[in-house]
C-alpha atoms as a PDB file:
ATOM      1  CA  UNK A   1      40.897 159.267  53.035  1.00  0.00           C
ATOM      2  CA  UNK A   2      38.753 160.421  55.775  1.00  0.00           C
ATOM      3  CA  UNK A   3      41.513 159.673  58.241  1.00  0.00           C
ATOM      4  CA  UNK A   4      44.058 161.506  56.401  1.00  0.00           C
ATOM      5  CA  UNK A   5      41.907 164.570  56.329  1.00  0.00           C
ATOM      6  CA  UNK A   6      41.425 164.437  60.049  1.00  0.00           C
ATOM      7  CA  UNK A   7      45.162 164.147  60.723  1.00  0.00           C
ATOM      8  CA  UNK A   8      45.939 167.180  58.319  1.00  0.00           C
ATOM      9  CA  UNK A   9      43.106 169.056  60.475  1.00  0.00           C
ATOM     10  CA  UNK A  10      44.638 168.376  63.750  1.00  0.00           C
ATOM     11  CA  UNK A  11      48.242 168.547  62.889  1.00  0.00           C
ATOM     12  CA  UNK A  12      48.702 172.289  62.898  1.00  0.00           C
ATOM     13  CA  UNK A  13      46.754 172.506  66.183  1.00  0.00           C
ATOM     14  CA  UNK A  14      49.039 170.030  67.796  1.00  0.00           C
ATOM     15  CA  UNK A  15      52.211 171.858  66.685  1.00  0.00           C
ATOM     16  CA  UNK A  16      50.646 174.918  68.015  1.00  0.00           C
ATOM     17  CA  UNK A  17      49.912 173.329  71.495  1.00  0.00           C
ATOM     18  CA  UNK A  18      53.512 172.151  71.560  1.00  0.00           C
ATOM     19  CA  UNK A  19      54.832 175.603  70.852  1.00  0.00           C
ATOM     20  CA  UNK A  20      52.551 177.199  73.276  1.00  0.00           C
ATOM     21  CA  UNK A  21      53.645 174.743  76.214  1.00  0.00           C
ATOM     22  CA  UNK A  22      57.378 175.367  75.459  1.00  0.00           C
ATOM     23  CA  UNK A  23      56.752 179.269  75.590  1.00  0.00           C
ATOM     24  CA  UNK A  24      54.728 178.955  78.620  1.00  0.00           C
ATOM     25  CA  UNK A  25      57.377 176.895  80.452  1.00  0.00           C
ATOM     26  CA  UNK A  26      60.709 178.161  79.407  1.00  0.00           C
ATOM     27  CA  UNK A  27      62.566 176.538  82.293  1.00  0.00           C
ATOM     28  CA  UNK A  28      61.447 173.161  81.340  1.00  0.00           C
ATOM     29  CA  UNK A  29      61.543 173.835  77.364  1.00  0.00           C
ATOM     30  CA  UNK A  30      65.356 174.621  77.540  1.00  0.00           C
ATOM     31  CA  UNK A  31      67.731 174.365  80.377  1.00  0.00           C
ATOM     32  CA  UNK A  32      71.301 175.470  79.711  1.00  0.00           C
ATOM     33  CA  UNK A  33      74.119 173.186  81.002  1.00  0.00           C
ATOM     34  CA  UNK A  34      76.084 174.349  83.897  1.00  0.00           C
ATOM     35  CA  UNK A  35      79.106 176.666  83.279  1.00  0.00           C
ATOM     36  CA  UNK A  36      82.317 175.728  85.240  1.00  0.00           C
ATOM     37  CA  UNK A  37      85.590 177.960  85.390  1.00  0.00           C
ATOM     38  CA  UNK A  38      88.836 176.589  86.209  1.00  0.00           C
ATOM     39  CA  UNK A  39      91.877 178.140  88.080  1.00  0.00           C
ATOM     40  CA  UNK A  40      95.305 176.886  89.438  1.00  0.00           C
ATOM     41  CA  UNK A  41      98.276 178.535  90.743  1.00  0.00           C
ATOM     42  CA  UNK A  42     100.939 180.073  88.315  1.00  0.00           C
ATOM     43  CA  UNK A  43     103.855 178.021  89.916  1.00  0.00           C
ATOM     44  CA  UNK A  44     104.307 175.091  92.257  1.00  0.00           C
ATOM     45  CA  UNK A  45     107.238 173.778  94.441  1.00  0.00           C
ATOM     46  CA  UNK A  46     108.637 170.419  94.155  1.00  0.00           C
ATOM     47  CA  UNK A  47     110.414 168.926  97.325  1.00  0.00           C
ATOM     48  CA  UNK A  48     113.083 166.336  97.023  1.00  0.00           C
ATOM     49  CA  UNK A  49     111.868 163.011  98.747  1.00  0.00           C
ATOM     50  CA  UNK A  50     114.345 160.764  97.363  1.00  0.00           C
ATOM     51  CA  UNK A  51     115.261 157.986  99.934  1.00  0.00           C
ATOM     52  CA  UNK A  52     118.746 156.534 100.329  1.00  0.00           C
ATOM     53  CA  UNK A  53     117.450 153.205  98.993  1.00  0.00           C
ATOM     54  CA  UNK A  54     116.325 155.041  95.866  1.00  0.00           C
ATOM     55  CA  UNK A  55     119.654 156.701  95.508  1.00  0.00           C
ATOM     56  CA  UNK A  56     121.647 153.557  95.855  1.00  0.00           C
ATOM     57  CA  UNK A  57     119.347 151.832  93.123  1.00  0.00           C
ATOM     58  CA  UNK A  58     119.346 154.690  90.854  1.00  0.00           C
ATOM     59  CA  UNK A  59     121.690 157.687  91.481  1.00  0.00           C
ATOM     60  CA  UNK A  60     120.912 159.438  88.225  1.00  0.00           C
ATOM     61  CA  UNK A  61     117.144 160.051  89.311  1.00  0.00           C
ATOM     62  CA  UNK A  62     115.564 162.167  91.900  1.00  0.00           C
ATOM     63  CA  UNK A  63     111.857 161.787  93.287  1.00  0.00           C
ATOM     64  CA  UNK A  64     109.970 164.875  93.991  1.00  0.00           C
ATOM     65  CA  UNK A  65     106.757 165.643  95.559  1.00  0.00           C
ATOM     66  CA  UNK A  66     104.441 168.044  94.124  1.00  0.00           C
ATOM     67  CA  UNK A  67     100.998 169.585  95.375  1.00  0.00           C
ATOM     68  CA  UNK A  68      98.695 171.110  92.635  1.00  0.00           C
ATOM     69  CA  UNK A  69      95.613 173.074  93.592  1.00  0.00           C
ATOM     70  CA  UNK A  70      92.814 173.322  91.105  1.00  0.00           C
ATOM     71  CA  UNK A  71      89.675 175.602  91.830  1.00  0.00           C
ATOM     72  CA  UNK A  72      86.259 175.006  90.090  1.00  0.00           C
ATOM     73  CA  UNK A  73      83.652 177.638  90.206  1.00  0.00           C
ATOM     74  CA  UNK A  74      80.145 177.088  89.000  1.00  0.00           C
ATOM     75  CA  UNK A  75      79.281 180.412  87.188  1.00  0.00           C
ATOM     76  CA  UNK A  76      75.859 179.315  85.906  1.00  0.00           C
ATOM     77  CA  UNK A  77      73.276 176.387  86.047  1.00  0.00           C
ATOM     78  CA  UNK A  78      72.957 173.840  88.792  1.00  0.00           C
ATOM     79  CA  UNK A  79      75.511 171.546  90.036  1.00  0.00           C
ATOM     80  CA  UNK A  80      73.003 168.591  89.669  1.00  0.00           C
ATOM     81  CA  UNK A  81      73.512 168.876  85.945  1.00  0.00           C
ATOM     82  CA  UNK A  82      77.162 168.181  86.236  1.00  0.00           C
ATOM     83  CA  UNK A  83      78.083 164.831  85.008  1.00  0.00           C
ATOM     84  CA  UNK A  84      81.956 164.736  85.450  1.00  0.00           C
ATOM     85  CA  UNK A  85      85.113 166.621  85.585  1.00  0.00           C
ATOM     86  CA  UNK A  86      88.307 165.613  83.911  1.00  0.00           C
ATOM     87  CA  UNK A  87      91.797 166.966  84.906  1.00  0.00           C
ATOM     88  CA  UNK A  88      94.968 165.742  83.373  1.00  0.00           C
ATOM     89  CA  UNK A  89      98.518 166.788  84.373  1.00  0.00           C
ATOM     90  CA  UNK A  90     101.159 166.473  81.751  1.00  0.00           C
ATOM     91  CA  UNK A  91     104.942 166.936  81.363  1.00  0.00           C
ATOM     92  CA  UNK A  92     104.945 168.305  77.913  1.00  0.00           C
ATOM     93  CA  UNK A  93     108.591 167.656  77.237  1.00  0.00           C
ATOM     94  CA  UNK A  94     108.450 164.239  79.026  1.00  0.00           C
ATOM     95  CA  UNK A  95     111.334 165.374  81.573  1.00  0.00           C
ATOM     96  CA  UNK A  96     109.243 164.048  84.426  1.00  0.00           C
ATOM     97  CA  UNK A  97     107.649 160.784  84.981  1.00  0.00           C
ATOM     98  CA  UNK A  98     104.714 160.010  87.393  1.00  0.00           C
ATOM     99  CA  UNK A  99     105.528 157.456  90.017  1.00  0.00           C
ATOM    100  CA  UNK A 100     102.656 158.038  92.354  1.00  0.00           C
ATOM    101  CA  UNK A 101      99.610 160.171  92.608  1.00  0.00           C
ATOM    102  CA  UNK A 102      96.668 160.974  94.782  1.00  0.00           C
ATOM    103  CA  UNK A 103      93.586 160.638  95.028  1.00  0.00           C
ATOM    104  CA  UNK A 104      93.347 157.271  93.919  1.00  0.00           C
ATOM    105  CA  UNK A 105      90.174 155.678  92.202  1.00  0.00           C
ATOM    106  CA  UNK A 106      87.476 155.614  94.804  1.00  0.00           C
ATOM    107  CA  UNK A 107      83.961 154.004  94.909  1.00  0.00           C
ATOM    108  CA  UNK A 108      81.193 155.698  97.237  1.00  0.00           C
ATOM    109  CA  UNK A 109      77.770 154.615  98.408  1.00  0.00           C
ATOM    110  CA  UNK A 110      74.880 156.688 100.023  1.00  0.00           C
ATOM    111  CA  UNK A 111      74.341 153.960 102.491  1.00  0.00           C
ATOM    112  CA  UNK A 112      76.172 154.295 106.157  1.00  0.00           C
ATOM    113  CA  UNK A 113      76.602 150.520 106.446  1.00  0.00           C
ATOM    114  CA  UNK A 114      75.619 147.203 105.191  1.00  0.00           C
ATOM    115  CA  UNK A 115      71.894 146.391 104.112  1.00  0.00           C
ATOM    116  CA  UNK A 116      70.176 143.886 106.416  1.00  0.00           C
ATOM    117  CA  UNK A 117      67.950 141.285 104.722  1.00  0.00           C
ATOM    118  CA  UNK A 118      65.609 138.740 106.015  1.00  0.00           C
ATOM    119  CA  UNK A 119      64.116 135.813 104.161  1.00  0.00           C
ATOM    120  CA  UNK A 120      61.413 133.469 105.533  1.00  0.00           C
ATOM    121  CA  UNK A 121      60.596 130.080 103.906  1.00  0.00           C
ATOM    122  CA  UNK A 122      57.484 128.214 104.780  1.00  0.00           C
ATOM    123  CA  UNK A 123      57.078 124.500 104.046  1.00  0.00           C
ATOM    124  CA  UNK A 124      53.470 123.092 104.468  1.00  0.00           C
ATOM    125  CA  UNK A 125      52.671 119.434 103.951  1.00  0.00           C
ATOM    126  CA  UNK A 126      48.969 118.387 103.618  1.00  0.00           C
ATOM    127  CA  UNK A 127      47.598 114.695 103.885  1.00  0.00           C
ATOM    128  CA  UNK A 128      44.232 114.050 102.919  1.00  0.00           C
ATOM    129  CA  UNK A 129      42.541 110.536 103.503  1.00  0.00           C
ATOM    130  CA  UNK A 130      38.980 109.848 102.402  1.00  0.00           C
ATOM    131  CA  UNK A 131      37.109 106.925 101.426  1.00  0.00           C
ATOM    132  CA  UNK A 132      34.040 104.801 101.242  1.00  0.00           C
ATOM    133  CA  UNK A 133      33.852 103.276 104.783  1.00  0.00           C
ATOM    134  CA  UNK A 134      30.439 101.551 104.613  1.00  0.00           C
ATOM    135  CA  UNK A 135      29.590  98.857 102.098  1.00  0.00           C
ATOM    136  CA  UNK A 136      26.687  98.859  99.538  1.00  0.00           C
ATOM    137  CA  UNK A 137      23.207  98.144 100.781  1.00  0.00           C
ATOM    138  CA  UNK A 138      20.430  96.539  99.166  1.00  0.00           C
ATOM    139  CA  UNK A 139      17.121  98.044  99.796  1.00  0.00           C
ATOM    140  CA  UNK A 140      14.205  96.363  98.132  1.00  0.00           C
ATOM    141  CA  UNK A 141      14.861  95.781  94.346  1.00  0.00           C
ATOM    142  CA  UNK A 142      17.486  98.405  93.990  1.00  0.00           C
ATOM    143  CA  UNK A 143      21.177  98.525  95.403  1.00  0.00           C
ATOM    144  CA  UNK A 144      22.077 101.679  97.009  1.00  0.00           C
ATOM    145  CA  UNK A 145      25.834 102.601  97.323  1.00  0.00           C
ATOM    146  CA  UNK A 146      26.519 104.589 100.494  1.00  0.00           C
ATOM    147  CA  UNK A 147      29.478 106.788 100.314  1.00  0.00           C
ATOM    148  CA  UNK A 148      29.787 108.843 103.686  1.00  0.00           C
ATOM    149  CA  UNK A 149      32.888 110.580 102.275  1.00  0.00           C
ATOM    150  CA  UNK A 150      34.653 110.638 105.822  1.00  0.00           C
ATOM    151  CA  UNK A 151      37.905 112.556 105.435  1.00  0.00           C
ATOM    152  CA  UNK A 152      41.017 113.239 107.578  1.00  0.00           C
ATOM    153  CA  UNK A 153      43.444 116.037 107.030  1.00  0.00           C
ATOM    154  CA  UNK A 154      46.846 116.428 108.614  1.00  0.00           C
ATOM    155  CA  UNK A 155      48.868 119.529 108.227  1.00  0.00           C
ATOM    156  CA  UNK A 156      52.415 120.063 108.889  1.00  0.00           C
ATOM    157  CA  UNK A 157      54.054 123.460 108.654  1.00  0.00           C
ATOM    158  CA  UNK A 158      57.934 124.301 108.899  1.00  0.00           C
ATOM    159  CA  UNK A 159      59.333 127.893 109.041  1.00  0.00           C
ATOM    160  CA  UNK A 160      62.802 128.840 108.120  1.00  0.00           C
ATOM    161  CA  UNK A 161      64.067 132.486 108.927  1.00  0.00           C
ATOM    162  CA  UNK A 162      67.470 133.464 107.301  1.00  0.00           C
ATOM    163  CA  UNK A 163      68.994 136.757 108.071  1.00  0.00           C
ATOM    164  CA  UNK A 164      72.032 138.247 106.353  1.00  0.00           C
ATOM    165  CA  UNK A 165      73.621 141.419 105.419  1.00  0.00           C
ATOM    166  CA  UNK A 166      74.560 142.732 101.865  1.00  0.00           C
ATOM    167  CA  UNK A 167      76.928 145.200 100.760  1.00  0.00           C
ATOM    168  CA  UNK A 168      75.344 148.484  99.790  1.00  0.00           C
ATOM    169  CA  UNK A 169      75.727 149.334  96.109  1.00  0.00           C
ATOM    170  CA  UNK A 170      78.392 151.897  95.277  1.00  0.00           C
ATOM    171  CA  UNK A 171      79.013 154.215  92.369  1.00  0.00           C
ATOM    172  CA  UNK A 172      82.347 155.636  90.989  1.00  0.00           C
ATOM    173  CA  UNK A 173      83.233 158.890  92.799  1.00  0.00           C
ATOM    174  CA  UNK A 174      86.640 159.416  91.207  1.00  0.00           C
ATOM    175  CA  UNK A 175      89.049 157.689  88.935  1.00  0.00           C
ATOM    176  CA  UNK A 176      92.695 158.341  88.305  1.00  0.00           C
ATOM    177  CA  UNK A 177      95.688 156.804  86.414  1.00  0.00           C
ATOM    178  CA  UNK A 178      98.752 157.442  84.241  1.00  0.00           C
ATOM    179  CA  UNK A 179      98.788 158.848  80.618  1.00  0.00           C
ATOM    180  CA  UNK A 180     101.428 159.191  77.849  1.00  0.00           C
ATOM    181  CA  UNK A 181     103.600 156.414  79.046  1.00  0.00           C
ATOM    182  CA  UNK A 182     103.725 157.598  82.482  1.00  0.00           C
ATOM    183  CA  UNK A 183     104.576 161.341  81.588  1.00  0.00           C
ATOM    184  CA  UNK A 184     101.026 162.272  82.698  1.00  0.00           C
ATOM    185  CA  UNK A 185      98.145 161.655  85.050  1.00  0.00           C
ATOM    186  CA  UNK A 186      94.474 162.085  84.972  1.00  0.00           C
ATOM    187  CA  UNK A 187      91.822 162.551  87.472  1.00  0.00           C
ATOM    188  CA  UNK A 188      88.136 162.150  86.634  1.00  0.00           C
ATOM    189  CA  UNK A 189      85.776 163.519  89.374  1.00  0.00           C
ATOM    190  CA  UNK A 190      81.906 162.577  89.605  1.00  0.00           C
ATOM    191  CA  UNK A 191      79.299 164.353  91.634  1.00  0.00           C
ATOM    192  CA  UNK A 192      78.070 162.939  94.961  1.00  0.00           C
ATOM    193  CA  UNK A 193      75.616 163.710  97.513  1.00  0.00           C
ATOM    194  CA  UNK A 194      78.442 163.839 100.298  1.00  0.00           C
ATOM    195  CA  UNK A 195      80.703 166.605  98.656  1.00  0.00           C
ATOM    196  CA  UNK A 196      80.680 169.318  96.241  1.00  0.00           C
ATOM    197  CA  UNK A 197      82.754 169.532  93.098  1.00  0.00           C
ATOM    198  CA  UNK A 198      82.857 173.313  93.527  1.00  0.00           C
ATOM    199  CA  UNK A 199      85.881 174.779  95.438  1.00  0.00           C
ATOM    200  CA  UNK A 200      89.683 173.887  95.520  1.00  0.00           C
ATOM    201  CA  UNK A 201      90.707 170.354  94.911  1.00  0.00           C
ATOM    202  CA  UNK A 202      94.233 169.187  95.954  1.00  0.00           C
ATOM    203  CA  UNK A 203      96.070 166.916  93.764  1.00  0.00           C
ATOM    204  CA  UNK A 204      99.599 165.054  94.829  1.00  0.00           C
ATOM    205  CA  UNK A 205     102.138 163.947  92.455  1.00  0.00           C
ATOM    206  CA  UNK A 206     105.401 161.987  92.967  1.00  0.00           C
ATOM    207  CA  UNK A 207     107.683 162.606  89.941  1.00  0.00           C
ATOM    208  CA  UNK A 208     110.929 161.003  88.889  1.00  0.00           C
ATOM    209  CA  UNK A 209     113.395 163.498  87.363  1.00  0.00           C
ATOM    210  CA  UNK A 210     117.019 163.633  86.213  1.00  0.00           C
ATOM    211  CA  UNK A 211     119.490 164.357  89.011  1.00  0.00           C
ATOM    212  CA  UNK A 212     120.412 167.542  87.836  1.00  0.00           C
ATOM    213  CA  UNK A 213     116.687 168.900  87.400  1.00  0.00           C
ATOM    214  CA  UNK A 214     115.941 172.422  88.746  1.00  0.00           C
ATOM    215  CA  UNK A 215     112.724 173.518  87.064  1.00  0.00           C
ATOM    216  CA  UNK A 216     110.232 172.763  84.487  1.00  0.00           C
ATOM    217  CA  UNK A 217     106.710 173.170  83.554  1.00  0.00           C
ATOM    218  CA  UNK A 218     103.512 171.188  83.764  1.00  0.00           C
ATOM    219  CA  UNK A 219     100.270 171.518  81.577  1.00  0.00           C
ATOM    220  CA  UNK A 220      97.050 171.123  83.524  1.00  0.00           C
ATOM    221  CA  UNK A 221      93.926 170.552  81.307  1.00  0.00           C
ATOM    222  CA  UNK A 222      90.479 170.698  82.861  1.00  0.00           C
ATOM    223  CA  UNK A 223      87.273 169.712  80.995  1.00  0.00           C
ATOM    224  CA  UNK A 224      83.531 169.607  82.745  1.00  0.00           C
ATOM    225  CA  UNK A 225      80.553 167.807  80.999  1.00  0.00           C
ATOM    226  CA  UNK A 226      77.180 168.597  81.770  1.00  0.00           C
ATOM    227  CA  UNK A 227      73.586 168.034  80.625  1.00  0.00           C
ATOM    228  CA  UNK A 228      71.220 170.322  79.025  1.00  0.00           C
ATOM    229  CA  UNK A 229      67.485 169.860  78.479  1.00  0.00           C
ATOM    230  CA  UNK A 230      65.503 170.779  75.264  1.00  0.00           C
ATOM    231  CA  UNK A 231      61.859 169.984  75.404  1.00  0.00           C
ATOM    232  CA  UNK A 232      62.239 167.374  77.974  1.00  0.00           C
ATOM    233  CA  UNK A 233      65.059 165.706  76.164  1.00  0.00           C
ATOM    234  CA  UNK A 234      68.581 165.634  78.028  1.00  0.00           C
ATOM    235  CA  UNK A 235      71.892 165.869  75.926  1.00  0.00           C
ATOM    236  CA  UNK A 236      75.411 165.835  77.296  1.00  0.00           C
ATOM    237  CA  UNK A 237      77.803 168.511  76.255  1.00  0.00           C
ATOM    238  CA  UNK A 238      80.941 170.517  77.512  1.00  0.00           C
ATOM    239  CA  UNK A 239      80.224 172.721  80.386  1.00  0.00           C
ATOM    240  CA  UNK A 240      83.618 174.280  80.714  1.00  0.00           C
ATOM    241  CA  UNK A 241      87.231 173.800  79.736  1.00  0.00           C
ATOM    242  CA  UNK A 242      90.630 175.220  80.718  1.00  0.00           C
ATOM    243  CA  UNK A 243      94.436 174.753  79.739  1.00  0.00           C
ATOM    244  CA  UNK A 244      96.908 176.221  82.205  1.00  0.00           C
ATOM    245  CA  UNK A 245     100.854 175.954  82.345  1.00  0.00           C
ATOM    246  CA  UNK A 246     102.216 175.685  85.851  1.00  0.00           C
ATOM    247  CA  UNK A 247     105.915 176.643  86.374  1.00  0.00           C
ATOM    248  CA  UNK A 248     107.498 173.940  88.600  1.00  0.00           C
ATOM    249  CA  UNK A 249     110.758 174.495  90.363  1.00  0.00           C
ATOM    250  CA  UNK A 250     112.880 172.728  93.252  1.00  0.00           C
ATOM    251  CA  UNK A 251     112.301 173.899  96.712  1.00  0.00           C
ATOM    252  CA  UNK A 252     115.079 176.357  98.039  1.00  0.00           C
ATOM    253  CA  UNK A 253     116.383 177.206  94.506  1.00  0.00           C
ATOM    254  CA  UNK A 254     115.752 180.966  94.009  1.00  0.00           C
ATOM    255  CA  UNK A 255     116.972 181.085  90.531  1.00  0.00           C
ATOM    256  CA  UNK A 256     114.960 178.093  89.596  1.00  0.00           C
ATOM    257  CA  UNK A 257     111.952 179.854  91.140  1.00  0.00           C
ATOM    258  CA  UNK A 258     112.472 182.855  89.141  1.00  0.00           C
ATOM    259  CA  UNK A 259     112.875 180.857  85.953  1.00  0.00           C
ATOM    260  CA  UNK A 260     109.575 178.916  86.593  1.00  0.00           C
ATOM    261  CA  UNK A 261     107.810 182.348  87.063  1.00  0.00           C
ATOM    262  CA  UNK A 262     108.900 183.434  83.651  1.00  0.00           C
ATOM    263  CA  UNK A 263     107.685 180.140  82.149  1.00  0.00           C
ATOM    264  CA  UNK A 264     104.202 180.986  83.646  1.00  0.00           C
ATOM    265  CA  UNK A 265     104.319 184.607  82.562  1.00  0.00           C
ATOM    266  CA  UNK A 266     105.196 183.597  79.018  1.00  0.00           C
ATOM    267  CA  UNK A 267     102.220 181.181  79.124  1.00  0.00           C
ATOM    268  CA  UNK A 268      99.836 184.122  80.356  1.00  0.00           C
ATOM    269  CA  UNK A 269     100.927 186.451  77.839  1.00  0.00           C
ATOM    270  CA  UNK A 270     100.505 183.976  74.974  1.00  0.00           C
ATOM    271  CA  UNK A 271      97.039 183.181  76.313  1.00  0.00           C
ATOM    272  CA  UNK A 272      95.924 186.835  76.408  1.00  0.00           C
ATOM    273  CA  UNK A 273      97.331 187.375  72.851  1.00  0.00           C
ATOM    274  CA  UNK A 274      95.403 184.310  71.622  1.00  0.00           C
ATOM    275  CA  UNK A 275      92.176 185.501  73.441  1.00  0.00           C
ATOM    276  CA  UNK A 276      92.436 189.079  72.036  1.00  0.00           C
ATOM    277  CA  UNK A 277      93.033 187.596  68.492  1.00  0.00           C
ATOM    278  CA  UNK A 278      89.985 185.409  68.838  1.00  0.00           C
ATOM    279  CA  UNK A 279      87.906 188.437  70.115  1.00  0.00           C
ATOM    280  CA  UNK A 280      89.078 190.741  67.055  1.00  0.00           C
ATOM    281  CA  UNK A 281      88.103 187.810  64.662  1.00  0.00           C
ATOM    282  CA  UNK A 282      84.713 187.544  66.183  1.00  0.00           C
ATOM    283  CA  UNK A 283      84.062 191.132  65.751  1.00  0.00           C
ATOM    284  CA  UNK A 284      84.890 190.912  61.982  1.00  0.00           C
END
């Protein structure tokens, strides 16, 4: 009963101390996650890179090379709190199939080379010989047992030195692969001490399309994940996202370029209309 009384007395005091500590150290009490904004070009050009061998094998298909630029801007927070960025590129009508992409999955290490390691092994053998070298002596009425305890020690010591190199541990820098039965591709980027996630990133695709293809659209979806801190507790949450339509057209085809621009503009008009509708709904 006395223990319960003591706890009830100090519980409000402890809560007050925690609150005062949180108010005194706002940067530690609550640190918002980083905020990332994404951007990309409204249109992209596709270059026909079909080889003669591919034409012979499948004359109804063309292979196109496409480069997409995605920019990332850190508007708030620290890049150290960014955990990963996921970028996906899709052909929503599934008229284009991904046959190759870059960058590929890559591991990285902070160490410049292998780690050297030495191990030393010592073997020691000791031989101890001792015994009673003198017999028992009788002095007067009593018998005295003499035990000089003479001992000899031999020690043999062998040392073995082994030197070898161990590969430095690596962590995932980026991962990539296909989606939606090959009609999309993803790129997952992780922070590194050697390069920044901010800035422009180039993604290269090779797409298989019908031989009569002239223009289309791709949907680029971006999402950043970051870490926020509340009273020394870390929790992961979304740090930015975006969904953008990119008009795609065949190189040298002016009419296809104009059509791709119309696709991109229609997306922007629809995006602005949805944003304005959400803003009006929030004011109500």
